[in-house]
Each structure stands twice: as C-alpha cells, then as structure tokens.
Amino acid sequence: MIQKTRIESLNSSPLKEGRYVLYWMQTAQRAEYNHALEYATYKANQLKLPLVVVFGITDAYPEANLRHYAFMLEGLVDVQKELAKKRVKLVIRHQSPELAAIDLSENASMVVVDGGHTRLQWKWRQDAAQQIDCLLEQVETNVIVPIREVSDKENFSAGTLRPRIHKKLSEYLIPIRHRKPRLSSLDMKIKSFDVDDIELALSQLTIDRSVGRVTTFKGGTGQAKKRLNAFIKNKLDRYSDLRNDPSLDATSNMSPYLHFGQISALYIALKVMQSDRPGKEDYLEELIVRRELSYNLVYYNRHYDRFSCLPPWARNTLNVHARDKREYIYTLEEFEKAQTHDPYWNAAQKEMVLTGKMHGYMRMYWGKKILEWTKSPRQGYKIALYLNNKYELDGRDPNGFAGVAWCFGKHDRAWSERKVFGKVRYMNAAGLKRKFDAEAYVDKIKQLQT
C-alpha cells in the first residue's frame, strides 16, 4: 500500500457513482514506479471499477517549445504501450491538463493526480479541485521523501536538509509493489489525441517552433532505463572523480527524464544502491539531497523563479555591487548566440543549444559569468533563467530554478568580498583549467557542430 503521507485530499467532495477511477497523469509520465498510478489502481480494484488515465497537452505551457514537446511525446508513446499491457486506457487530450481532467471526471468515481508544485501546476490542481464534483486526491511520487515529511519550511542549504532527509529515508527508500487493474478499460470509447505518429501529432500543435529538436536524447522510460543501466555499469565507479569534468562523459544524464517524470527518482536510487561500485554515495547525494532541496525551494518559496528568492545576504551584497564597473557587458542576443570573449562559456552555451543539456559543472560557470557580464544582477538572473528554460530539456524544473538561484548565492554561504559578485561565490576560467582540460571540452563541443 502507498504510504498515507504521500496522499493529500485536494477537495472535500465524496466518492460518487462512476464508470471508472480516473488517474490524471501530469508530472509523472511513466507506467512504472509511479505511486499515483499504483494508488489509483488500488482504488479502482477496491471499488471494482476499471482505471482510466488522462493526460492533457496544452499548446501554451510557458517557455516550452518544439524541443520539449517532441521529447515529451516520445515518452507518452512509451506510456501508452505500457499501460495497454496493464489493460489501462490512456486518453490524451489536446487541451489544458486541468480541463482534460475536469471533462473526464464527469464519469469518474474519484480522481487521483500526481504531485506538482510549480506555480502553474499548483494552479491547475486548485482549479480542478474547485470544479471536480468527486474526490480528488494528490499523490507525491516525483520525490523519494514527501516534501512536507522532510521539513515544514524552506531550508537554507543542503546542510540543513540532509539530516532531515536521512532520518526519513528508510521509510521511503523501498520498492513499489506493482498492481494490475482487475477490470480492463481498453474498450471504453473515449476520444483521444493520437500520438502514435509523433510527426503528425507535433504538426497539430500550435507551439513555439523556434528551438529545434535534438538527436542527443530521445524521450521515454525505455530510453531512460538504458541510459541508467549503462551509467551504473560503465560510469558509476568513476563518478566521484570525474563527474565535474565536462570534457568526459561521466554523468548519468537522467535529468531530462526526471524532469518529465519518465523515470522515477526512487527507481534510480534503488538500482544504484544495488551496485557495489564506488561512487554511489556521491551520486545518491545529488539525486536525493540536492534534488529534493530544489523541491523544498519550489514548494515553500513562491518566488522560486525570481531574484527575490535569494537569501537577504545575497540580495544585499549583489545590490551593493550592482553599479560596479563590468569588464564585459553582453546583451541577451550575444549570450544566446554564444558571442562572448570566453571560449569556455561559448562552448557551454553551444552545448546546451545543440544537445538540450549542459554539463552540470559548466552550468555553474555559465550562470556565474552571466551574473558578471550583465548590467545588473537582476538582469543577469532573468537572462540565465530565460536561456536555461528555453534550451535545456530539463528547464522549467525545480532543479533548474535552484541551479540558477545557486549561481546568485542561493543555498550557499557568503565568501570573500570582491567586485560585482560581492560576497557571492566566484568562478573563473583559471579555475576550470585547474580542474580539467578546458581546451578538450571546447574541442568536444566543436565536434558537435560538424
């Protein structure tokens, strides 16, 4: 049974007579290791009803473009196939997700939705809760330990969150028991948006097409699991030593799949824990503590994507130094086209544009330099977030919001004071060269352009 602490009622409506139990899939786009799906299956069997899954595709998701939609649709093809094996019908609607859920709830006994905590995701759930006339329950499944179980407030840093998470891990770091519905919903006649032909489906969406698709990553749970297995087998033992070397390929590349919920953080953690290879402790620190710190930020700080989310010391020191003379100042267009004087920064920007993902260490350097090379820290913050969300497959995500904020002092401490940065941590090209072969990284990105 799913832990009760993962479940939250979003309205006070009762169960009602209905044709099915409805799972409104939104952030957890997968058919396995999905607590919300398992809970919906359990309730369907308990009520002796079939289970129907609904997914709404809106054309107007903020800052999403062709790159993101294509990756998502590739994943939904996987979901549809795997749900069919469970005799569960996936209904995809070309409409805003909350409207799709409201429409299908008319014939539902109850509705289950996965947890979503960004501003828009929460608004969708609130709107649905006000209009759905049966029980609506939310199940937390994209973090290992439910956010409110870890802490009842925003945490200052990983150092304060880590002991809180570790105290609870044994309760939640456990395998999921997968169930199948006793009754099939496959024969139900419910109109659905066809995603079998991804090219055709994409052509029917009115979306931003200014950012092209990437070939580096293909969406779907199957692809995610292949990458994870290869990482554990071939890279995990080198992870601790080489993870911060972007000239090499020593990371798991799970973040795009985690962003769309195409793979479960719990599944990843359990698979890594089964390994006897060195490196797993450092990887689990990133996957669990650091990642769930970003969810803590988004959940408790409604300004998570704004300069005002920074701690007072960071805002104050950056504002004090806002008028410091910058050696270089670039426009958004120059940043976007990788037209700075710095070959390492340019390579990082090109990596993101070309592949849909920038190496994590370079993303820190990239953000720090945007802070240094813009007219003001507030302008730099907006530019960094804009570029991150536009080109990264894992943009518009708690991890992305926290990552940009970190470059400006979030979840960090004060350092020695200097021009422009004030007391915010500083990074420079000389530091890159001390850590890895920076020229090899530039050459690696050049090869992507050929």
Protein backbone atom coordinates (compact mmCIF):
# COMPACT_ATOMS: atom_id res chain seq x y z
CA MET A 1 0.00 0.00 0.00
CA ILE A 2 1.19 3.56 -0.72
CA GLN A 3 2.29 5.49 2.37
CA LYS A 4 -0.51 7.74 3.65
CA THR A 5 1.96 10.61 3.95
CA ARG A 6 2.19 10.69 0.15
CA ILE A 7 -1.56 11.28 -0.21
CA GLU A 8 -3.35 14.61 0.13
CA SER A 9 -7.03 15.38 -0.49
CA LEU A 10 -7.39 18.46 -2.70
CA ASN A 11 -11.14 18.86 -2.20
CA SER A 12 -13.85 17.76 0.19
CA SER A 13 -16.08 16.05 -2.37
CA PRO A 14 -17.07 12.42 -1.75
CA LEU A 15 -16.74 9.33 -3.88
CA LYS A 16 -19.60 9.11 -6.36
CA GLU A 17 -21.13 6.55 -8.66
CA GLY A 18 -18.99 6.41 -11.75
CA ARG A 19 -17.80 4.30 -14.66
CA TYR A 20 -14.14 4.32 -13.68
CA VAL A 21 -11.43 5.68 -11.41
CA LEU A 22 -9.51 8.43 -13.19
CA TYR A 23 -5.78 9.00 -12.87
CA TRP A 24 -4.85 12.47 -14.07
CA MET A 25 -1.25 11.98 -15.18
CA GLN A 26 0.70 15.21 -15.36
CA THR A 27 4.20 15.32 -13.80
CA ALA A 28 4.78 11.56 -13.55
CA GLN A 29 4.73 10.48 -17.20
CA ARG A 30 5.50 6.81 -16.64
CA ALA A 31 3.72 3.50 -16.15
CA GLU A 32 6.05 2.07 -13.51
CA TYR A 33 7.38 3.18 -10.14
CA ASN A 34 4.56 5.69 -10.05
CA HIS A 35 2.90 5.94 -6.63
CA ALA A 36 -0.03 7.90 -8.05
CA LEU A 37 -0.74 5.23 -10.67
CA GLU A 38 -0.42 2.46 -8.10
CA TYR A 39 -2.77 4.23 -5.70
CA ALA A 40 -5.31 4.81 -8.47
CA THR A 41 -5.07 1.13 -9.42
CA TYR A 42 -5.60 0.11 -5.79
CA LYS A 43 -8.70 2.32 -5.51
CA ALA A 44 -10.08 1.05 -8.83
CA ASN A 45 -9.76 -2.56 -7.66
CA GLN A 46 -11.26 -1.68 -4.29
CA LEU A 47 -14.26 -0.04 -5.99
CA LYS A 48 -14.48 -2.81 -8.61
CA LEU A 49 -14.06 -0.31 -11.42
CA PRO A 50 -11.69 -0.03 -14.39
CA LEU A 51 -8.93 2.56 -14.38
CA VAL A 52 -8.61 5.31 -16.99
CA VAL A 53 -5.58 7.59 -17.32
CA VAL A 54 -5.91 11.09 -18.80
CA PHE A 55 -3.11 13.36 -19.98
CA GLY A 56 -3.69 16.89 -21.27
CA ILE A 57 -1.36 18.59 -23.75
CA THR A 58 -1.61 22.36 -23.73
CA ASP A 59 -0.12 24.46 -26.53
CA ALA A 60 0.54 27.22 -24.04
CA TYR A 61 2.93 25.72 -21.47
CA PRO A 62 5.14 28.68 -20.52
CA GLU A 63 8.56 28.66 -22.21
CA ALA A 64 8.05 25.20 -23.73
CA ASN A 65 8.91 24.73 -27.39
CA LEU A 66 9.22 22.06 -30.08
CA ARG A 67 12.27 20.58 -28.36
CA HIS A 68 10.35 19.92 -25.16
CA TYR A 69 7.12 18.77 -26.80
CA ALA A 70 8.88 16.24 -29.04
CA PHE A 71 10.74 14.71 -26.09
CA MET A 72 7.51 14.54 -24.09
CA LEU A 73 5.54 12.90 -26.91
CA GLU A 74 8.26 10.27 -27.34
CA GLY A 75 7.74 9.42 -23.70
CA LEU A 76 3.96 9.31 -23.99
CA VAL A 77 4.24 6.67 -26.72
CA ASP A 78 6.05 4.51 -24.16
CA VAL A 79 3.41 5.22 -21.52
CA GLN A 80 0.57 4.27 -23.84
CA LYS A 81 2.15 0.93 -24.71
CA GLU A 82 2.96 0.02 -21.11
CA LEU A 83 -0.48 0.99 -19.82
CA ALA A 84 -2.09 -1.10 -22.54
CA LYS A 85 -0.20 -4.12 -21.18
CA LYS A 86 -1.95 -3.42 -17.87
CA ARG A 87 -5.30 -3.16 -19.73
CA VAL A 88 -5.46 0.56 -18.93
CA LYS A 89 -6.63 3.12 -21.47
CA LEU A 90 -4.57 6.29 -21.83
CA VAL A 91 -6.71 9.19 -23.01
CA ILE A 92 -4.66 12.09 -24.35
CA ARG A 93 -6.45 15.38 -24.83
CA HIS A 94 -5.22 18.38 -26.80
CA GLN A 95 -6.31 20.84 -24.13
CA SER A 96 -5.07 22.33 -20.89
CA PRO A 97 -4.42 19.48 -18.40
CA GLU A 98 -6.88 20.64 -15.74
CA LEU A 99 -9.66 20.94 -18.34
CA ALA A 100 -8.97 17.42 -19.58
CA ALA A 101 -9.20 16.13 -16.01
CA ILE A 102 -12.38 18.08 -15.32
CA ASP A 103 -14.02 16.75 -18.50
CA LEU A 104 -13.26 13.09 -17.78
CA SER A 105 -14.11 13.44 -14.09
CA GLU A 106 -17.79 13.71 -15.03
CA ASN A 107 -17.93 9.92 -15.34
CA ALA A 108 -15.39 9.13 -12.64
CA SER A 109 -15.95 7.81 -9.15
CA MET A 110 -12.82 9.61 -7.96
CA VAL A 111 -9.73 11.30 -9.43
CA VAL A 112 -6.08 10.80 -8.48
CA VAL A 113 -3.35 13.21 -9.61
CA ASP A 114 0.42 13.14 -9.15
CA GLY A 115 2.13 15.91 -7.19
CA GLY A 116 3.10 19.13 -8.94
CA HIS A 117 4.41 22.19 -7.15
CA THR A 118 5.41 24.86 -9.64
CA ARG A 119 3.10 27.84 -9.78
CA LEU A 120 1.24 26.67 -12.89
CA GLN A 121 1.00 23.05 -11.79
CA TRP A 122 -0.48 24.08 -8.47
CA LYS A 123 -2.95 26.43 -10.15
CA TRP A 124 -4.14 23.60 -12.40
CA ARG A 125 -4.79 21.44 -9.35
CA GLN A 126 -6.58 24.21 -7.49
CA ASP A 127 -8.79 24.96 -10.49
CA ALA A 128 -9.61 21.29 -10.93
CA ALA A 129 -10.36 20.85 -7.23
CA GLN A 130 -12.95 23.63 -7.40
CA GLN A 131 -14.76 22.12 -10.38
CA ILE A 132 -14.49 18.36 -9.93
CA ASP A 133 -17.52 17.07 -8.03
CA CYS A 134 -15.93 13.84 -6.81
CA LEU A 135 -12.97 13.14 -4.52
CA LEU A 136 -9.66 14.48 -5.87
CA GLU A 137 -6.50 13.19 -4.21
CA GLN A 138 -2.90 14.08 -4.95
CA VAL A 139 -0.11 11.52 -4.54
CA GLU A 140 3.52 12.60 -4.20
CA THR A 141 5.67 10.43 -6.43
CA ASN A 142 8.46 12.51 -8.01
CA VAL A 143 10.49 12.84 -4.82
CA ILE A 144 11.65 10.00 -2.61
CA VAL A 145 10.62 11.56 0.71
CA PRO A 146 7.43 13.67 0.58
CA ILE A 147 8.34 17.34 0.84
CA ARG A 148 6.27 18.09 3.94
CA GLU A 149 7.62 14.99 5.69
CA VAL A 150 11.15 16.32 5.38
CA SER A 151 10.54 19.85 6.58
CA ASP A 152 7.70 22.28 7.29
CA LYS A 153 9.63 25.26 5.92
CA GLU A 154 12.15 26.34 3.32
CA ASN A 155 15.64 25.14 4.18
CA PHE A 156 18.71 27.34 3.97
CA SER A 157 21.02 24.75 2.42
CA ALA A 158 21.72 21.09 1.77
CA GLY A 159 23.43 21.02 5.15
CA THR A 160 20.16 21.68 6.97
CA LEU A 161 18.05 19.43 4.75
CA ARG A 162 20.39 16.43 4.63
CA PRO A 163 19.89 15.16 8.22
CA ARG A 164 16.14 15.63 7.89
CA ILE A 165 16.03 13.51 4.74
CA HIS A 166 18.36 10.83 6.06
CA LYS A 167 16.18 10.50 9.15
CA LYS A 168 13.24 9.51 6.92
CA LEU A 169 14.95 7.60 4.11
CA SER A 170 14.46 4.10 5.48
CA GLU A 171 10.68 4.64 5.47
CA TYR A 172 10.54 5.67 1.81
CA LEU A 173 13.50 4.10 0.06
CA ILE A 174 11.58 0.90 -0.58
CA PRO A 175 10.40 -0.85 -3.76
CA ILE A 176 6.89 -0.30 -5.09
CA ARG A 177 4.54 -3.24 -5.40
CA HIS A 178 3.07 -3.05 -8.89
CA ARG A 179 -0.60 -3.92 -9.34
CA LYS A 180 -2.77 -4.52 -12.37
CA PRO A 181 -6.40 -3.41 -12.53
CA ARG A 182 -8.82 -6.31 -12.32
CA LEU A 183 -11.04 -4.73 -14.98
CA SER A 184 -9.93 -3.51 -18.39
CA SER A 185 -10.71 -0.04 -19.72
CA LEU A 186 -9.23 -0.58 -23.18
CA ASP A 187 -12.61 -0.99 -24.87
CA MET A 188 -14.04 2.24 -23.48
CA LYS A 189 -14.99 4.69 -26.24
CA ILE A 190 -13.33 7.92 -25.15
CA LYS A 191 -11.97 10.35 -27.71
CA SER A 192 -8.18 10.70 -27.58
CA PHE A 193 -5.45 12.70 -29.33
CA ASP A 194 -3.31 10.25 -31.34
CA VAL A 195 0.43 10.33 -30.59
CA ASP A 196 1.44 7.13 -32.40
CA ASP A 197 2.72 9.25 -35.30
CA ILE A 198 4.81 11.82 -33.43
CA GLU A 199 5.46 13.95 -36.51
CA LEU A 200 1.75 14.21 -37.24
CA ALA A 201 0.94 14.92 -33.59
CA LEU A 202 3.53 17.69 -33.45
CA SER A 203 2.14 19.24 -36.63
CA GLN A 204 -1.27 19.54 -34.97
CA LEU A 205 0.09 21.52 -32.01
CA THR A 206 0.24 25.32 -32.10
CA ILE A 207 3.55 25.68 -30.31
CA ASP A 208 6.80 27.66 -30.40
CA ARG A 209 8.99 26.07 -33.08
CA SER A 210 11.95 28.44 -32.75
CA VAL A 211 14.07 25.83 -30.94
CA GLY A 212 14.64 22.64 -32.86
CA ARG A 213 14.55 19.05 -31.70
CA VAL A 214 17.72 17.28 -30.58
CA THR A 215 19.05 13.87 -31.56
CA THR A 216 21.22 13.54 -28.46
CA PHE A 217 18.31 12.49 -26.26
CA LYS A 218 15.19 10.53 -27.09
CA GLY A 219 12.32 10.56 -24.65
CA GLY A 220 10.71 7.64 -22.84
CA THR A 221 11.10 5.34 -19.88
CA GLY A 222 12.81 2.70 -22.02
CA GLN A 223 15.49 5.17 -23.11
CA ALA A 224 15.94 6.38 -19.55
CA LYS A 225 16.46 2.86 -18.23
CA LYS A 226 19.00 2.08 -20.95
CA ARG A 227 21.00 5.16 -20.01
CA LEU A 228 20.75 4.34 -16.31
CA ASN A 229 21.95 0.76 -16.78
CA ALA A 230 24.87 1.96 -18.91
CA PHE A 231 25.76 4.56 -16.29
CA ILE A 232 25.80 2.04 -13.45
CA LYS A 233 27.79 -0.46 -15.47
CA ASN A 234 30.31 1.85 -17.13
CA LYS A 235 30.47 5.15 -15.25
CA LEU A 236 29.38 4.88 -11.63
CA ASP A 237 32.79 3.77 -10.37
CA ARG A 238 34.32 6.91 -11.94
CA TYR A 239 31.55 9.27 -10.90
CA SER A 240 33.17 10.69 -7.75
CA ASP A 241 36.44 11.54 -9.51
CA LEU A 242 35.20 12.57 -12.95
CA ARG A 243 31.68 13.98 -12.56
CA ASN A 244 32.98 17.57 -12.69
CA ASP A 245 34.98 17.03 -15.89
CA PRO A 246 32.80 18.14 -18.83
CA SER A 247 35.39 17.02 -21.37
CA LEU A 248 34.46 13.45 -20.41
CA ASP A 249 31.13 11.64 -20.15
CA ALA A 250 30.89 10.52 -16.55
CA THR A 251 27.35 11.61 -15.60
CA SER A 252 24.06 9.72 -15.75
CA ASN A 253 22.16 12.21 -17.95
CA MET A 254 18.99 11.40 -16.05
CA SER A 255 17.79 14.99 -15.58
CA PRO A 256 15.71 15.30 -18.80
CA TYR A 257 13.90 12.06 -17.94
CA LEU A 258 13.40 13.08 -14.32
CA HIS A 259 12.02 16.45 -15.42
CA PHE A 260 9.24 14.85 -17.46
CA GLY A 261 8.69 12.13 -14.88
CA GLN A 262 9.66 9.46 -17.43
CA ILE A 263 11.71 7.70 -14.78
CA SER A 264 11.33 7.63 -11.01
CA ALA A 265 13.99 9.01 -8.67
CA LEU A 266 13.10 6.14 -6.34
CA TYR A 267 13.73 3.58 -9.07
CA ILE A 268 17.09 5.18 -9.88
CA ALA A 269 18.12 5.23 -6.22
CA LEU A 270 17.22 1.58 -5.66
CA LYS A 271 19.11 0.49 -8.79
CA VAL A 272 22.20 2.46 -7.79
CA MET A 273 22.06 1.09 -4.24
CA GLN A 274 22.11 -2.46 -5.59
CA SER A 275 25.51 -1.78 -7.13
CA ASP A 276 28.72 -2.49 -5.27
CA ARG A 277 30.64 0.10 -7.27
CA PRO A 278 32.29 3.14 -5.67
CA GLY A 279 30.66 6.44 -6.45
CA LYS A 280 27.16 5.53 -5.42
CA GLU A 281 27.17 7.61 -2.23
CA ASP A 282 28.12 10.77 -4.11
CA TYR A 283 25.54 10.05 -6.78
CA LEU A 284 22.78 9.45 -4.23
CA GLU A 285 23.68 12.74 -2.53
CA GLU A 286 22.97 14.55 -5.81
CA LEU A 287 19.88 12.52 -6.67
CA ILE A 288 18.25 12.72 -3.26
CA VAL A 289 19.54 15.57 -1.08
CA ARG A 290 20.41 18.13 -3.74
CA ARG A 291 17.45 17.38 -5.97
CA GLU A 292 14.93 17.37 -3.14
CA LEU A 293 16.39 20.62 -1.81
CA SER A 294 15.18 22.19 -5.07
CA TYR A 295 11.69 20.79 -4.49
CA ASN A 296 11.78 22.23 -0.98
CA LEU A 297 12.55 25.64 -2.54
CA VAL A 298 9.70 25.49 -5.06
CA TYR A 299 7.20 24.19 -2.50
CA TYR A 300 7.86 26.74 0.23
CA ASN A 301 9.04 29.80 -1.71
CA ARG A 302 6.51 31.20 -4.18
CA HIS A 303 9.26 33.44 -5.61
CA TYR A 304 11.36 30.40 -6.59
CA ASP A 305 11.97 31.72 -10.13
CA ARG A 306 12.72 35.34 -9.20
CA PHE A 307 15.67 37.34 -7.88
CA SER A 308 13.67 37.86 -4.68
CA CYS A 309 14.01 34.17 -3.79
CA LEU A 310 17.66 34.75 -2.88
CA PRO A 311 18.61 34.96 0.81
CA PRO A 312 18.85 38.51 2.18
CA TRP A 313 22.67 38.46 2.40
CA ALA A 314 22.94 37.56 -1.32
CA ARG A 315 20.41 40.16 -2.48
CA ASN A 316 22.04 42.82 -0.34
CA THR A 317 25.60 42.17 -1.47
CA LEU A 318 24.63 41.95 -5.14
CA ASN A 319 22.63 45.18 -4.89
CA VAL A 320 25.52 46.95 -3.19
CA HIS A 321 27.79 45.95 -6.08
CA ALA A 322 25.19 46.40 -8.84
CA ARG A 323 26.92 49.56 -10.09
CA ASP A 324 30.42 48.13 -10.07
CA LYS A 325 32.15 48.51 -13.41
CA ARG A 326 31.99 45.33 -15.50
CA GLU A 327 34.92 44.44 -17.73
CA TYR A 328 32.47 42.98 -20.24
CA ILE A 329 28.76 43.51 -20.77
CA TYR A 330 26.74 41.39 -23.21
CA THR A 331 23.18 41.53 -24.45
CA LEU A 332 20.73 38.66 -24.37
CA GLU A 333 21.23 38.19 -28.11
CA GLU A 334 25.01 37.96 -27.71
CA PHE A 335 24.67 35.42 -24.92
CA GLU A 336 22.16 33.40 -26.88
CA LYS A 337 24.42 33.27 -29.94
CA ALA A 338 27.49 32.42 -27.81
CA GLN A 339 29.26 35.61 -28.84
CA THR A 340 31.30 36.35 -25.71
CA HIS A 341 35.09 36.67 -25.46
CA ASP A 342 35.26 33.44 -23.41
CA PRO A 343 35.64 30.20 -25.45
CA TYR A 344 34.65 28.05 -22.45
CA TRP A 345 31.43 29.96 -21.81
CA ASN A 346 30.63 29.92 -25.52
CA ALA A 347 31.18 26.16 -25.63
CA ALA A 348 28.80 25.66 -22.71
CA GLN A 349 26.10 27.75 -24.38
CA LYS A 350 26.56 25.84 -27.65
CA GLU A 351 26.38 22.50 -25.83
CA MET A 352 23.01 23.49 -24.40
CA VAL A 353 21.66 24.77 -27.71
CA LEU A 354 22.89 21.78 -29.72
CA THR A 355 22.16 18.91 -27.31
CA GLY A 356 19.44 20.15 -24.96
CA LYS A 357 21.66 19.65 -21.93
CA MET A 358 24.71 21.38 -20.49
CA HIS A 359 27.20 19.61 -18.23
CA GLY A 360 26.38 20.45 -14.61
CA TYR A 361 29.75 21.93 -13.73
CA MET A 362 29.72 24.16 -16.80
CA ARG A 363 26.19 25.26 -15.97
CA MET A 364 27.53 26.69 -12.72
CA TYR A 365 30.30 28.56 -14.53
CA TRP A 366 27.86 29.65 -17.23
CA GLY A 367 25.48 31.18 -14.67
CA LYS A 368 28.23 32.89 -12.70
CA LYS A 369 29.56 34.58 -15.82
CA ILE A 370 26.11 35.82 -16.84
CA LEU A 371 25.98 37.49 -13.42
CA GLU A 372 29.39 39.06 -14.08
CA TRP A 373 28.73 40.19 -17.66
CA THR A 374 25.31 41.86 -17.40
CA LYS A 375 24.40 45.44 -16.44
CA SER A 376 22.79 44.36 -13.17
CA PRO A 377 22.34 41.16 -11.14
CA ARG A 378 18.58 41.26 -11.69
CA GLN A 379 19.03 41.42 -15.45
CA GLY A 380 21.58 38.60 -15.27
CA TYR A 381 19.16 36.48 -13.27
CA LYS A 382 16.42 36.91 -15.86
CA ILE A 383 18.75 36.12 -18.76
CA ALA A 384 20.14 32.98 -17.12
CA LEU A 385 16.66 31.66 -16.34
CA TYR A 386 15.37 32.52 -19.81
CA LEU A 387 18.19 30.71 -21.63
CA ASN A 388 18.08 27.74 -19.27
CA ASN A 389 14.34 27.28 -19.70
CA LYS A 390 14.42 27.80 -23.47
CA TYR A 391 17.15 25.33 -24.41
CA GLU A 392 17.52 22.79 -21.62
CA LEU A 393 15.34 19.69 -21.83
CA ASP A 394 15.25 19.82 -18.03
CA GLY A 395 14.44 23.54 -17.92
CA ARG A 396 11.33 24.91 -16.17
CA ASP A 397 12.10 22.46 -13.36
CA PRO A 398 12.75 22.78 -9.60
CA ASN A 399 16.35 21.70 -10.24
CA GLY A 400 16.74 24.38 -12.90
CA PHE A 401 15.25 27.12 -10.73
CA ALA A 402 17.50 26.15 -7.82
CA GLY A 403 20.53 25.84 -10.09
CA VAL A 404 20.18 29.36 -11.47
CA ALA A 405 19.49 30.71 -7.98
CA TRP A 406 22.63 28.97 -6.68
CA CYS A 407 24.77 30.92 -9.15
CA PHE A 408 23.48 34.08 -7.43
CA GLY A 409 24.00 32.84 -3.84
CA LYS A 410 21.04 30.56 -3.04
CA HIS A 411 21.80 27.51 -0.88
CA ASP A 412 25.36 28.79 -0.41
CA ARG A 413 27.30 30.84 2.13
CA ALA A 414 28.99 34.23 1.93
CA TRP A 415 32.56 34.29 0.58
CA SER A 416 35.29 36.92 0.48
CA GLU A 417 34.00 40.18 -0.98
CA ARG A 418 35.01 41.21 -4.49
CA LYS A 419 33.84 43.46 -7.31
CA VAL A 420 30.50 42.70 -8.99
CA PHE A 421 29.94 39.45 -7.06
CA GLY A 422 30.12 40.98 -3.61
CA LYS A 423 30.14 38.02 -1.25
CA VAL A 424 28.61 35.58 -3.75
CA ARG A 425 30.86 32.68 -4.74
CA TYR A 426 33.13 33.49 -7.69
CA MET A 427 34.25 31.26 -10.56
CA ASN A 428 36.74 31.98 -13.33
CA ALA A 429 38.36 30.31 -16.34
CA ALA A 430 41.58 29.64 -14.44
CA GLY A 431 39.54 27.50 -12.04
CA LEU A 432 38.20 25.46 -14.92
CA LYS A 433 41.71 24.79 -16.21
CA ARG A 434 42.85 23.61 -12.79
CA LYS A 435 40.05 21.08 -12.64
CA PHE A 436 40.02 19.61 -16.15
CA ASP A 437 41.26 20.00 -19.69
CA ALA A 438 39.17 23.01 -20.70
CA GLU A 439 40.53 23.03 -24.24
CA ALA A 440 39.43 19.42 -24.68
CA TYR A 441 35.92 20.48 -23.67
CA VAL A 442 35.93 23.24 -26.30
CA ASP A 443 37.11 20.76 -28.93
CA LYS A 444 34.40 18.32 -27.89
CA ILE A 445 31.70 20.93 -28.49
CA LYS A 446 33.24 21.95 -31.82
CA GLN A 447 32.85 18.35 -32.99
CA LEU A 448 29.12 18.57 -32.27
CA GLN A 449 28.86 21.39 -34.79
CA THR A 450 30.36 19.39 -37.66
